Amino acid sequence: MELVYFVLVGAAAGWLASMLMNINASLVLTIVLGIVGGFVGGWGLGQLGVMLPWGVVGEIITAAIGAVVLIFLYKLVTK
């Protein structure tokens, strides 16, 4: 059941990040960006001492922040 949760949160976060960064990504890439972004965002915000308190919404926002960072780094490297 946790796998389904990770996929749903990852999909929502990846979609939000792709809208913010204006990229067209497939569903699989969107989900992967959201899941990996969750780890990146959780680690990064943890290093800053920030924890979003809004449950699932906070988790989606954290993952979206991480996914935005990943997309930014990808665009920076591929230019």
PDB file of N, CA and C in Angstrom:
ATOM      1  N   MET A   1       0.817  -1.194   0.000  1.00  0.00           N
ATOM      2  CA  MET A   1       0.000   0.000   0.000  1.00  0.00           C
ATOM      3  C   MET A   1       0.863   1.262   0.000  1.00  0.00           C
ATOM      4  N   GLU A   2       2.036   1.178   0.635  1.00  0.00           N
ATOM      5  CA  GLU A   2       2.912   2.333   0.650  1.00  0.00           C
ATOM      6  C   GLU A   2       3.434   2.672  -0.739  1.00  0.00           C
ATOM      7  N   LEU A   3       3.620   1.658  -1.581  1.00  0.00           N
ATOM      8  CA  LEU A   3       4.081   1.895  -2.945  1.00  0.00           C
ATOM      9  C   LEU A   3       3.067   2.733  -3.711  1.00  0.00           C
ATOM     10  N   VAL A   4       1.793   2.428  -3.548  1.00  0.00           N
ATOM     11  CA  VAL A   4       0.741   3.203  -4.206  1.00  0.00           C
ATOM     12  C   VAL A   4       0.776   4.651  -3.715  1.00  0.00           C
ATOM     13  N   TYR A   5       0.985   4.828  -2.423  1.00  0.00           N
ATOM     14  CA  TYR A   5       1.071   6.164  -1.830  1.00  0.00           C
ATOM     15  C   TYR A   5       2.238   6.942  -2.427  1.00  0.00           C
ATOM     16  N   PHE A   6       3.430   6.301  -2.517  1.00  0.00           N
ATOM     17  CA  PHE A   6       4.597   6.951  -3.103  1.00  0.00           C
ATOM     18  C   PHE A   6       4.332   7.362  -4.547  1.00  0.00           C
ATOM     19  N   VAL A   7       3.695   6.479  -5.300  1.00  0.00           N
ATOM     20  CA  VAL A   7       3.412   6.766  -6.711  1.00  0.00           C
ATOM     21  C   VAL A   7       2.429   7.925  -6.838  1.00  0.00           C
ATOM     22  N   LEU A   8       1.390   7.945  -6.026  1.00  0.00           N
ATOM     23  CA  LEU A   8       0.402   9.022  -6.115  1.00  0.00           C
ATOM     24  C   LEU A   8       0.982  10.367  -5.693  1.00  0.00           C
ATOM     25  N   VAL A   9       1.730  10.385  -4.598  1.00  0.00           N
ATOM     26  CA  VAL A   9       2.369  11.629  -4.162  1.00  0.00           C
ATOM     27  C   VAL A   9       3.408  12.059  -5.196  1.00  0.00           C
ATOM     28  N   GLY A  10       4.176  11.101  -5.721  1.00  0.00           N
ATOM     29  CA  GLY A  10       5.167  11.408  -6.743  1.00  0.00           C
ATOM     30  C   GLY A  10       4.542  11.957  -8.007  1.00  0.00           C
ATOM     31  N   ALA A  11       3.424  11.382  -8.411  1.00  0.00           N
ATOM     32  CA  ALA A  11       2.740  11.866  -9.611  1.00  0.00           C
ATOM     33  C   ALA A  11       2.244  13.293  -9.417  1.00  0.00           C
ATOM     34  N   ALA A  12       1.646  13.568  -8.262  1.00  0.00           N
ATOM     35  CA  ALA A  12       1.145  14.921  -7.996  1.00  0.00           C
ATOM     36  C   ALA A  12       2.299  15.922  -7.927  1.00  0.00           C
ATOM     37  N   ALA A  13       3.371  15.552  -7.243  1.00  0.00           N
ATOM     38  CA  ALA A  13       4.515  16.456  -7.108  1.00  0.00           C
ATOM     39  C   ALA A  13       5.214  16.655  -8.453  1.00  0.00           C
ATOM     40  N   GLY A  14       5.384  15.587  -9.209  1.00  0.00           N
ATOM     41  CA  GLY A  14       6.012  15.696 -10.525  1.00  0.00           C
ATOM     42  C   GLY A  14       5.196  16.549 -11.473  1.00  0.00           C
ATOM     43  N   TRP A  15       3.883  16.395 -11.429  1.00  0.00           N
ATOM     44  CA  TRP A  15       3.009  17.206 -12.272  1.00  0.00           C
ATOM     45  C   TRP A  15       3.127  18.681 -11.885  1.00  0.00           C
ATOM     46  N   LEU A  16       3.107  18.960 -10.586  1.00  0.00           N
ATOM     47  CA  LEU A  16       3.219  20.337 -10.116  1.00  0.00           C
ATOM     48  C   LEU A  16       4.560  20.941 -10.539  1.00  0.00           C
ATOM     49  N   ALA A  17       5.632  20.179 -10.376  1.00  0.00           N
ATOM     50  CA  ALA A  17       6.965  20.675 -10.759  1.00  0.00           C
ATOM     51  C   ALA A  17       7.064  20.897 -12.266  1.00  0.00           C
ATOM     52  N   SER A  18       6.485  19.984 -13.053  1.00  0.00           N
ATOM     53  CA  SER A  18       6.548  20.149 -14.511  1.00  0.00           C
ATOM     54  C   SER A  18       5.741  21.359 -14.965  1.00  0.00           C
ATOM     55  N   MET A  19       4.666  21.674 -14.270  1.00  0.00           N
ATOM     56  CA  MET A  19       3.899  22.876 -14.594  1.00  0.00           C
ATOM     57  C   MET A  19       4.682  24.127 -14.214  1.00  0.00           C
ATOM     58  N   LEU A  20       5.336  24.111 -13.068  1.00  0.00           N
ATOM     59  CA  LEU A  20       6.109  25.272 -12.622  1.00  0.00           C
ATOM     60  C   LEU A  20       7.319  25.523 -13.512  1.00  0.00           C
ATOM     61  N   MET A  21       7.960  24.456 -13.973  1.00  0.00           N
ATOM     62  CA  MET A  21       9.176  24.583 -14.777  1.00  0.00           C
ATOM     63  C   MET A  21       8.888  24.554 -16.275  1.00  0.00           C
ATOM     64  N   ASN A  22       7.633  24.414 -16.658  1.00  0.00           N
ATOM     65  CA  ASN A  22       7.194  24.463 -18.053  1.00  0.00           C
ATOM     66  C   ASN A  22       7.907  23.423 -18.925  1.00  0.00           C
ATOM     67  N   ILE A  23       7.786  22.156 -18.534  1.00  0.00           N
ATOM     68  CA  ILE A  23       8.336  21.066 -19.343  1.00  0.00           C
ATOM     69  C   ILE A  23       7.214  20.097 -19.686  1.00  0.00           C
ATOM     70  N   ASN A  24       7.369  19.416 -20.803  1.00  0.00           N
ATOM     71  CA  ASN A  24       6.452  18.353 -21.185  1.00  0.00           C
ATOM     72  C   ASN A  24       7.124  17.034 -20.870  1.00  0.00           C
ATOM     73  N   ALA A  25       6.566  16.294 -19.945  1.00  0.00           N
ATOM     74  CA  ALA A  25       7.166  15.029 -19.531  1.00  0.00           C
ATOM     75  C   ALA A  25       6.104  13.941 -19.597  1.00  0.00           C
ATOM     76  N   SER A  26       6.564  12.721 -19.848  1.00  0.00           N
ATOM     77  CA  SER A  26       5.644  11.588 -19.861  1.00  0.00           C
ATOM     78  C   SER A  26       5.177  11.298 -18.439  1.00  0.00           C
ATOM     79  N   LEU A  27       4.168  10.469 -18.322  1.00  0.00           N
ATOM     80  CA  LEU A  27       3.630  10.111 -17.008  1.00  0.00           C
ATOM     81  C   LEU A  27       4.690   9.418 -16.158  1.00  0.00           C
ATOM     82  N   VAL A  28       5.445   8.516 -16.765  1.00  0.00           N
ATOM     83  CA  VAL A  28       6.476   7.787 -16.025  1.00  0.00           C
ATOM     84  C   VAL A  28       7.550   8.747 -15.531  1.00  0.00           C
ATOM     85  N   LEU A  29       8.016   9.643 -16.397  1.00  0.00           N
ATOM     86  CA  LEU A  29       9.036  10.614 -15.998  1.00  0.00           C
ATOM     87  C   LEU A  29       8.499  11.537 -14.910  1.00  0.00           C
ATOM     88  N   THR A  30       7.251  11.925 -15.015  1.00  0.00           N
ATOM     89  CA  THR A  30       6.634  12.787 -14.014  1.00  0.00           C
ATOM     90  C   THR A  30       6.619  12.101 -12.653  1.00  0.00           C
ATOM     91  N   ILE A  31       6.242  10.828 -12.625  1.00  0.00           N
ATOM     92  CA  ILE A  31       6.197  10.077 -11.372  1.00  0.00           C
ATOM     93  C   ILE A  31       7.599   9.905 -10.797  1.00  0.00           C
ATOM     94  N   VAL A  32       8.564   9.565 -11.653  1.00  0.00           N
ATOM     95  CA  VAL A  32       9.947   9.381 -11.189  1.00  0.00           C
ATOM     96  C   VAL A  32      10.498  10.701 -10.656  1.00  0.00           C
ATOM     97  N   LEU A  33      10.251  11.801 -11.356  1.00  0.00           N
ATOM     98  CA  LEU A  33      10.698  13.115 -10.882  1.00  0.00           C
ATOM     99  C   LEU A  33      10.096  13.428  -9.521  1.00  0.00           C
ATOM    100  N   GLY A  34       8.832  13.119  -9.345  1.00  0.00           N
ATOM    101  CA  GLY A  34       8.176  13.394  -8.068  1.00  0.00           C
ATOM    102  C   GLY A  34       8.728  12.545  -6.936  1.00  0.00           C
ATOM    103  N   ILE A  35       8.967  11.259  -7.203  1.00  0.00           N
ATOM    104  CA  ILE A  35       9.480  10.372  -6.156  1.00  0.00           C
ATOM    105  C   ILE A  35      10.906  10.752  -5.787  1.00  0.00           C
ATOM    106  N   VAL A  36      11.772  10.919  -6.783  1.00  0.00           N
ATOM    107  CA  VAL A  36      13.155  11.316  -6.501  1.00  0.00           C
ATOM    108  C   VAL A  36      13.179  12.724  -5.903  1.00  0.00           C
ATOM    109  N   GLY A  37      12.298  13.578  -6.388  1.00  0.00           N
ATOM    110  CA  GLY A  37      12.180  14.924  -5.826  1.00  0.00           C
ATOM    111  C   GLY A  37      11.777  14.909  -4.365  1.00  0.00           C
ATOM    112  N   GLY A  38      11.002  13.911  -3.970  1.00  0.00           N
ATOM    113  CA  GLY A  38      10.639  13.774  -2.561  1.00  0.00           C
ATOM    114  C   GLY A  38      11.850  13.533  -1.689  1.00  0.00           C
ATOM    115  N   PHE A  39      12.760  12.693  -2.170  1.00  0.00           N
ATOM    116  CA  PHE A  39      13.992  12.445  -1.417  1.00  0.00           C
ATOM    117  C   PHE A  39      14.873  13.687  -1.388  1.00  0.00           C
ATOM    118  N   VAL A  40      15.020  14.332  -2.552  1.00  0.00           N
ATOM    119  CA  VAL A  40      15.856  15.535  -2.642  1.00  0.00           C
ATOM    120  C   VAL A  40      15.259  16.662  -1.799  1.00  0.00           C
ATOM    121  N   GLY A  41      13.972  16.882  -1.929  1.00  0.00           N
ATOM    122  CA  GLY A  41      13.311  17.940  -1.168  1.00  0.00           C
ATOM    123  C   GLY A  41      13.317  17.670   0.328  1.00  0.00           C
ATOM    124  N   GLY A  42      13.071  16.422   0.709  1.00  0.00           N
ATOM    125  CA  GLY A  42      13.107  16.066   2.127  1.00  0.00           C
ATOM    126  C   GLY A  42      14.482  16.264   2.732  1.00  0.00           C
ATOM    127  N   TRP A  43      15.517  15.863   1.984  1.00  0.00           N
ATOM    128  CA  TRP A  43      16.878  16.031   2.471  1.00  0.00           C
ATOM    129  C   TRP A  43      17.243  17.515   2.539  1.00  0.00           C
ATOM    130  N   GLY A  44      16.945  18.247   1.459  1.00  0.00           N
ATOM    131  CA  GLY A  44      17.308  19.666   1.402  1.00  0.00           C
ATOM    132  C   GLY A  44      16.605  20.502   2.459  1.00  0.00           C
ATOM    133  N   LEU A  45      15.310  20.305   2.593  1.00  0.00           N
ATOM    134  CA  LEU A  45      14.580  21.059   3.609  1.00  0.00           C
ATOM    135  C   LEU A  45      15.000  20.634   5.009  1.00  0.00           C
ATOM    136  N   GLY A  46      15.335  19.345   5.174  1.00  0.00           N
ATOM    137  CA  GLY A  46      15.834  18.871   6.466  1.00  0.00           C
ATOM    138  C   GLY A  46      17.147  19.532   6.837  1.00  0.00           C
ATOM    139  N   GLN A  47      18.020  19.738   5.856  1.00  0.00           N
ATOM    140  CA  GLN A  47      19.287  20.418   6.101  1.00  0.00           C
ATOM    141  C   GLN A  47      19.074  21.872   6.517  1.00  0.00           C
ATOM    142  N   LEU A  48      17.996  22.460   6.020  1.00  0.00           N
ATOM    143  CA  LEU A  48      17.671  23.842   6.375  1.00  0.00           C
ATOM    144  C   LEU A  48      16.868  23.939   7.672  1.00  0.00           C
ATOM    145  N   GLY A  49      16.446  22.792   8.206  1.00  0.00           N
ATOM    146  CA  GLY A  49      15.654  22.772   9.432  1.00  0.00           C
ATOM    147  C   GLY A  49      14.194  23.109   9.206  1.00  0.00           C
ATOM    148  N   VAL A  50      13.721  22.897   7.980  1.00  0.00           N
ATOM    149  CA  VAL A  50      12.341  23.220   7.624  1.00  0.00           C
ATOM    150  C   VAL A  50      11.544  21.926   7.483  1.00  0.00           C
ATOM    151  N   MET A  51      10.369  21.886   8.092  1.00  0.00           N
ATOM    152  CA  MET A  51       9.472  20.745   7.932  1.00  0.00           C
ATOM    153  C   MET A  51       8.065  21.290   7.717  1.00  0.00           C
ATOM    154  N   LEU A  52       7.474  20.948   6.590  1.00  0.00           N
ATOM    155  CA  LEU A  52       6.137  21.448   6.280  1.00  0.00           C
ATOM    156  C   LEU A  52       5.105  20.624   7.044  1.00  0.00           C
ATOM    157  N   PRO A  53       4.194  21.281   7.770  1.00  0.00           N
ATOM    158  CA  PRO A  53       3.317  20.576   8.705  1.00  0.00           C
ATOM    159  C   PRO A  53       1.965  20.124   8.156  1.00  0.00           C
ATOM    160  N   TRP A  54       1.726  20.193   6.862  1.00  0.00           N
ATOM    161  CA  TRP A  54       0.372  20.000   6.347  1.00  0.00           C
ATOM    162  C   TRP A  54       0.079  18.603   5.854  1.00  0.00           C
ATOM    163  N   GLY A  55       0.684  17.588   6.397  1.00  0.00           N
ATOM    164  CA  GLY A  55       0.400  16.204   6.036  1.00  0.00           C
ATOM    165  C   GLY A  55       0.742  15.899   4.595  1.00  0.00           C
ATOM    166  N   VAL A  56      -0.221  15.343   3.878  1.00  0.00           N
ATOM    167  CA  VAL A  56       0.000  14.945   2.491  1.00  0.00           C
ATOM    168  C   VAL A  56       0.320  16.157   1.621  1.00  0.00           C
ATOM    169  N   VAL A  57      -0.341  17.264   1.861  1.00  0.00           N
ATOM    170  CA  VAL A  57      -0.078  18.479   1.088  1.00  0.00           C
ATOM    171  C   VAL A  57       1.366  18.928   1.300  1.00  0.00           C
ATOM    172  N   GLY A  58       1.846  18.876   2.522  1.00  0.00           N
ATOM    173  CA  GLY A  58       3.237  19.214   2.806  1.00  0.00           C
ATOM    174  C   GLY A  58       4.212  18.281   2.118  1.00  0.00           C
ATOM    175  N   GLU A  59       3.854  16.985   2.066  1.00  0.00           N
ATOM    176  CA  GLU A  59       4.707  16.017   1.382  1.00  0.00           C
ATOM    177  C   GLU A  59       4.752  16.286  -0.115  1.00  0.00           C
ATOM    178  N   ILE A  60       3.626  16.626  -0.703  1.00  0.00           N
ATOM    179  CA  ILE A  60       3.586  16.943  -2.131  1.00  0.00           C
ATOM    180  C   ILE A  60       4.389  18.198  -2.423  1.00  0.00           C
ATOM    181  N   ILE A  61       4.260  19.213  -1.577  1.00  0.00           N
ATOM    182  CA  ILE A  61       5.015  20.450  -1.784  1.00  0.00           C
ATOM    183  C   ILE A  61       6.509  20.199  -1.624  1.00  0.00           C
ATOM    184  N   THR A  62       6.887  19.411  -0.628  1.00  0.00           N
ATOM    185  CA  THR A  62       8.300  19.075  -0.422  1.00  0.00           C
ATOM    186  C   THR A  62       8.854  18.335  -1.627  1.00  0.00           C
ATOM    187  N   ALA A  63       8.113  17.345  -2.118  1.00  0.00           N
ATOM    188  CA  ALA A  63       8.557  16.590  -3.287  1.00  0.00           C
ATOM    189  C   ALA A  63       8.604  17.467  -4.531  1.00  0.00           C
ATOM    190  N   ALA A  64       7.658  18.386  -4.667  1.00  0.00           N
ATOM    191  CA  ALA A  64       7.652  19.287  -5.816  1.00  0.00           C
ATOM    192  C   ALA A  64       8.859  20.220  -5.774  1.00  0.00           C
ATOM    193  N   ILE A  65       9.233  20.695  -4.586  1.00  0.00           N
ATOM    194  CA  ILE A  65      10.420  21.538  -4.465  1.00  0.00           C
ATOM    195  C   ILE A  65      11.649  20.758  -4.910  1.00  0.00           C
ATOM    196  N   GLY A  66      11.762  19.522  -4.466  1.00  0.00           N
ATOM    197  CA  GLY A  66      12.888  18.690  -4.880  1.00  0.00           C
ATOM    198  C   GLY A  66      12.891  18.431  -6.378  1.00  0.00           C
ATOM    199  N   ALA A  67      11.714  18.186  -6.953  1.00  0.00           N
ATOM    200  CA  ALA A  67      11.618  17.942  -8.388  1.00  0.00           C
ATOM    201  C   ALA A  67      11.976  19.195  -9.186  1.00  0.00           C
ATOM    202  N   VAL A  68      11.578  20.371  -8.698  1.00  0.00           N
ATOM    203  CA  VAL A  68      11.946  21.624  -9.359  1.00  0.00           C
ATOM    204  C   VAL A  68      13.464  21.787  -9.354  1.00  0.00           C
ATOM    205  N   VAL A  69      14.094  21.456  -8.246  1.00  0.00           N
ATOM    206  CA  VAL A  69      15.560  21.529  -8.171  1.00  0.00           C
ATOM    207  C   VAL A  69      16.183  20.571  -9.186  1.00  0.00           C
ATOM    208  N   LEU A  70      15.654  19.347  -9.278  1.00  0.00           N
ATOM    209  CA  LEU A  70      16.183  18.378 -10.238  1.00  0.00           C
ATOM    210  C   LEU A  70      16.017  18.862 -11.675  1.00  0.00           C
ATOM    211  N   ILE A  71      14.864  19.410 -12.005  1.00  0.00           N
ATOM    212  CA  ILE A  71      14.623  19.914 -13.357  1.00  0.00           C
ATOM    213  C   ILE A  71      15.550  21.089 -13.652  1.00  0.00           C
ATOM    214  N   PHE A  72      15.726  21.982 -12.677  1.00  0.00           N
ATOM    215  CA  PHE A  72      16.624  23.115 -12.849  1.00  0.00           C
ATOM    216  C   PHE A  72      18.046  22.641 -13.120  1.00  0.00           C
ATOM    217  N   LEU A  73      18.523  21.672 -12.335  1.00  0.00           N
ATOM    218  CA  LEU A  73      19.862  21.153 -12.531  1.00  0.00           C
ATOM    219  C   LEU A  73      20.000  20.466 -13.892  1.00  0.00           C
ATOM    220  N   TYR A  74      18.972  19.731 -14.310  1.00  0.00           N
ATOM    221  CA  TYR A  74      18.991  19.084 -15.614  1.00  0.00           C
ATOM    222  C   TYR A  74      19.092  20.118 -16.732  1.00  0.00           C
ATOM    223  N   LYS A  75      18.287  21.175 -16.637  1.00  0.00           N
ATOM    224  CA  LYS A  75      18.336  22.226 -17.660  1.00  0.00           C
ATOM    225  C   LYS A  75      19.681  22.938 -17.652  1.00  0.00           C
ATOM    226  N   LEU A  76      20.263  23.113 -16.479  1.00  0.00           N
ATOM    227  CA  LEU A  76      21.548  23.774 -16.359  1.00  0.00           C
ATOM    228  C   LEU A  76      22.665  22.939 -16.999  1.00  0.00           C
ATOM    229  N   VAL A  77      22.608  21.637 -16.815  1.00  0.00           N
ATOM    230  CA  VAL A  77      23.649  20.750 -17.336  1.00  0.00           C
ATOM    231  C   VAL A  77      23.512  20.552 -18.848  1.00  0.00           C
ATOM    232  N   THR A  78      22.291  20.513 -19.360  1.00  0.00           N
ATOM    233  CA  THR A  78      22.085  20.213 -20.773  1.00  0.00           C
ATOM    234  C   THR A  78      22.194  21.429 -21.684  1.00  0.00           C
ATOM    235  N   LYS A  79      22.364  22.595 -21.143  1.00  0.00           N
ATOM    236  CA  LYS A  79      22.481  23.787 -22.008  1.00  0.00           C
ATOM    237  C   LYS A  79      23.817  23.867 -22.656  1.00  0.00           C
TER     238      LYS A  79
END
